[in-house]
């Protein structure tokens, strides 16, 4: 079982009037290609498990993002309490969404 290795990246840059062109290079390292080939031999269930684990490994907490969301929530609450933002009952919001 093979895979499509057409994901290529043009490697070139310009310095003054001179252009350095290394051509098209694969976005996958040889190690990545080897792992992919091995993964494609797995059963559908095993590949699904592998994908789930790989995706979970990317979902790491980020204190900076958490801090930004906390500030956004505080700003929204302040705006609501100052009468600058309206609130809508959840059942009304969900009903409108269901009608879309």
C-alpha atoms as a PDB file:
ATOM      1  CA  UNK A   1       0.000   0.000   0.000  1.00  0.00           C
ATOM      2  CA  UNK A   2       1.556   3.306  -1.067  1.00  0.00           C
ATOM      3  CA  UNK A   3       0.895   6.943  -0.434  1.00  0.00           C
ATOM      4  CA  UNK A   4       0.823  10.104  -2.506  1.00  0.00           C
ATOM      5  CA  UNK A   5       4.192  11.855  -2.212  1.00  0.00           C
ATOM      6  CA  UNK A   6       3.294  14.841  -4.399  1.00  0.00           C
ATOM      7  CA  UNK A   7       3.395  17.357  -1.563  1.00  0.00           C
ATOM      8  CA  UNK A   8       6.424  19.283  -2.711  1.00  0.00           C
ATOM      9  CA  UNK A   9       7.884  22.632  -1.735  1.00  0.00           C
ATOM     10  CA  UNK A  10       9.841  24.850  -4.136  1.00  0.00           C
ATOM     11  CA  UNK A  11      13.181  25.755  -2.585  1.00  0.00           C
ATOM     12  CA  UNK A  12      14.570  28.989  -3.996  1.00  0.00           C
ATOM     13  CA  UNK A  13      15.598  32.408  -2.785  1.00  0.00           C
ATOM     14  CA  UNK A  14      16.969  35.638  -4.180  1.00  0.00           C
ATOM     15  CA  UNK A  15      20.020  37.555  -2.986  1.00  0.00           C
ATOM     16  CA  UNK A  16      20.319  40.779  -4.954  1.00  0.00           C
ATOM     17  CA  UNK A  17      20.095  39.802  -8.623  1.00  0.00           C
ATOM     18  CA  UNK A  18      21.135  36.202  -8.052  1.00  0.00           C
ATOM     19  CA  UNK A  19      18.511  33.449  -7.655  1.00  0.00           C
ATOM     20  CA  UNK A  20      19.399  30.236  -5.857  1.00  0.00           C
ATOM     21  CA  UNK A  21      17.100  27.448  -6.998  1.00  0.00           C
ATOM     22  CA  UNK A  22      17.338  23.994  -5.435  1.00  0.00           C
ATOM     23  CA  UNK A  23      14.216  22.736  -7.186  1.00  0.00           C
ATOM     24  CA  UNK A  24      11.280  20.998  -5.577  1.00  0.00           C
ATOM     25  CA  UNK A  25      11.770  19.133  -2.299  1.00  0.00           C
ATOM     26  CA  UNK A  26       9.432  16.757  -0.506  1.00  0.00           C
ATOM     27  CA  UNK A  27       7.790  18.120   2.633  1.00  0.00           C
ATOM     28  CA  UNK A  28       8.292  14.723   4.282  1.00  0.00           C
ATOM     29  CA  UNK A  29      11.559  13.555   5.711  1.00  0.00           C
ATOM     30  CA  UNK A  30      12.661  10.033   4.899  1.00  0.00           C
ATOM     31  CA  UNK A  31      11.873   9.012   8.497  1.00  0.00           C
ATOM     32  CA  UNK A  32       8.344  10.389   8.150  1.00  0.00           C
ATOM     33  CA  UNK A  33       7.842   8.543   4.871  1.00  0.00           C
ATOM     34  CA  UNK A  34       9.034   5.306   6.485  1.00  0.00           C
ATOM     35  CA  UNK A  35       6.671   5.725   9.444  1.00  0.00           C
ATOM     36  CA  UNK A  36       3.788   6.494   7.086  1.00  0.00           C
ATOM     37  CA  UNK A  37       4.464   3.407   4.992  1.00  0.00           C
ATOM     38  CA  UNK A  38       4.440   1.292   8.176  1.00  0.00           C
ATOM     39  CA  UNK A  39       1.258   2.954   9.427  1.00  0.00           C
ATOM     40  CA  UNK A  40      -0.561   2.319   6.151  1.00  0.00           C
ATOM     41  CA  UNK A  41      -0.110  -1.436   6.682  1.00  0.00           C
ATOM     42  CA  UNK A  42      -2.070  -1.279   9.955  1.00  0.00           C
ATOM     43  CA  UNK A  43      -5.743  -2.129  10.129  1.00  0.00           C
ATOM     44  CA  UNK A  44      -8.298   0.664   9.894  1.00  0.00           C
ATOM     45  CA  UNK A  45      -8.911   0.457  13.657  1.00  0.00           C
ATOM     46  CA  UNK A  46      -5.186   0.594  14.428  1.00  0.00           C
ATOM     47  CA  UNK A  47      -4.714   3.590  12.108  1.00  0.00           C
ATOM     48  CA  UNK A  48      -7.661   5.349  13.761  1.00  0.00           C
ATOM     49  CA  UNK A  49      -6.116   4.745  17.190  1.00  0.00           C
ATOM     50  CA  UNK A  50      -2.769   6.045  15.935  1.00  0.00           C
ATOM     51  CA  UNK A  51      -4.361   9.179  14.486  1.00  0.00           C
ATOM     52  CA  UNK A  52      -6.204   9.821  17.737  1.00  0.00           C
ATOM     53  CA  UNK A  53      -2.985   9.533  19.744  1.00  0.00           C
ATOM     54  CA  UNK A  54      -1.059  11.763  17.332  1.00  0.00           C
ATOM     55  CA  UNK A  55      -3.758  14.430  17.406  1.00  0.00           C
ATOM     56  CA  UNK A  56      -3.915  14.292  21.208  1.00  0.00           C
ATOM     57  CA  UNK A  57      -0.155  14.845  21.308  1.00  0.00           C
ATOM     58  CA  UNK A  58      -0.661  18.147  19.464  1.00  0.00           C
ATOM     59  CA  UNK A  59      -3.346  19.379  21.855  1.00  0.00           C
ATOM     60  CA  UNK A  60      -1.097  20.606  24.627  1.00  0.00           C
ATOM     61  CA  UNK A  61      -2.087  23.325  27.099  1.00  0.00           C
ATOM     62  CA  UNK A  62      -0.822  26.782  26.217  1.00  0.00           C
ATOM     63  CA  UNK A  63      -0.691  29.188  29.162  1.00  0.00           C
ATOM     64  CA  UNK A  64      -0.604  32.187  26.825  1.00  0.00           C
ATOM     65  CA  UNK A  65      -3.796  31.168  25.052  1.00  0.00           C
ATOM     66  CA  UNK A  66      -5.475  30.303  28.347  1.00  0.00           C
ATOM     67  CA  UNK A  67      -4.562  33.761  29.651  1.00  0.00           C
ATOM     68  CA  UNK A  68      -5.981  35.456  26.556  1.00  0.00           C
ATOM     69  CA  UNK A  69      -9.265  33.521  26.857  1.00  0.00           C
ATOM     70  CA  UNK A  70      -9.520  34.398  30.564  1.00  0.00           C
ATOM     71  CA  UNK A  71      -9.060  38.093  29.722  1.00  0.00           C
ATOM     72  CA  UNK A  72     -11.665  37.838  26.939  1.00  0.00           C
ATOM     73  CA  UNK A  73     -14.158  36.264  29.362  1.00  0.00           C
ATOM     74  CA  UNK A  74     -13.490  38.985  31.957  1.00  0.00           C
ATOM     75  CA  UNK A  75     -13.863  41.727  29.327  1.00  0.00           C
ATOM     76  CA  UNK A  76     -17.175  40.260  28.160  1.00  0.00           C
ATOM     77  CA  UNK A  77     -18.471  40.003  31.730  1.00  0.00           C
ATOM     78  CA  UNK A  78     -17.427  43.615  32.407  1.00  0.00           C
ATOM     79  CA  UNK A  79     -19.198  44.747  29.211  1.00  0.00           C
ATOM     80  CA  UNK A  80     -22.343  42.834  30.199  1.00  0.00           C
ATOM     81  CA  UNK A  81     -22.353  44.268  33.706  1.00  0.00           C
ATOM     82  CA  UNK A  82     -21.844  47.792  32.293  1.00  0.00           C
ATOM     83  CA  UNK A  83     -24.866  47.321  29.996  1.00  0.00           C
ATOM     84  CA  UNK A  84     -22.709  47.340  26.847  1.00  0.00           C
ATOM     85  CA  UNK A  85     -23.574  43.763  25.910  1.00  0.00           C
ATOM     86  CA  UNK A  86     -26.911  41.958  25.869  1.00  0.00           C
ATOM     87  CA  UNK A  87     -27.523  38.411  27.032  1.00  0.00           C
ATOM     88  CA  UNK A  88     -29.883  35.949  25.365  1.00  0.00           C
ATOM     89  CA  UNK A  89     -31.476  32.854  26.925  1.00  0.00           C
ATOM     90  CA  UNK A  90     -29.696  29.679  25.793  1.00  0.00           C
ATOM     91  CA  UNK A  91     -32.921  28.027  24.594  1.00  0.00           C
ATOM     92  CA  UNK A  92     -33.548  31.004  22.283  1.00  0.00           C
ATOM     93  CA  UNK A  93     -30.011  30.801  20.868  1.00  0.00           C
ATOM     94  CA  UNK A  94     -30.257  27.038  20.289  1.00  0.00           C
ATOM     95  CA  UNK A  95     -33.690  27.411  18.682  1.00  0.00           C
ATOM     96  CA  UNK A  96     -32.319  30.001  16.233  1.00  0.00           C
ATOM     97  CA  UNK A  97     -29.357  27.754  15.450  1.00  0.00           C
ATOM     98  CA  UNK A  98     -31.659  24.822  14.787  1.00  0.00           C
ATOM     99  CA  UNK A  99     -33.566  26.953  12.269  1.00  0.00           C
ATOM    100  CA  UNK A 100     -30.457  27.642  10.177  1.00  0.00           C
END
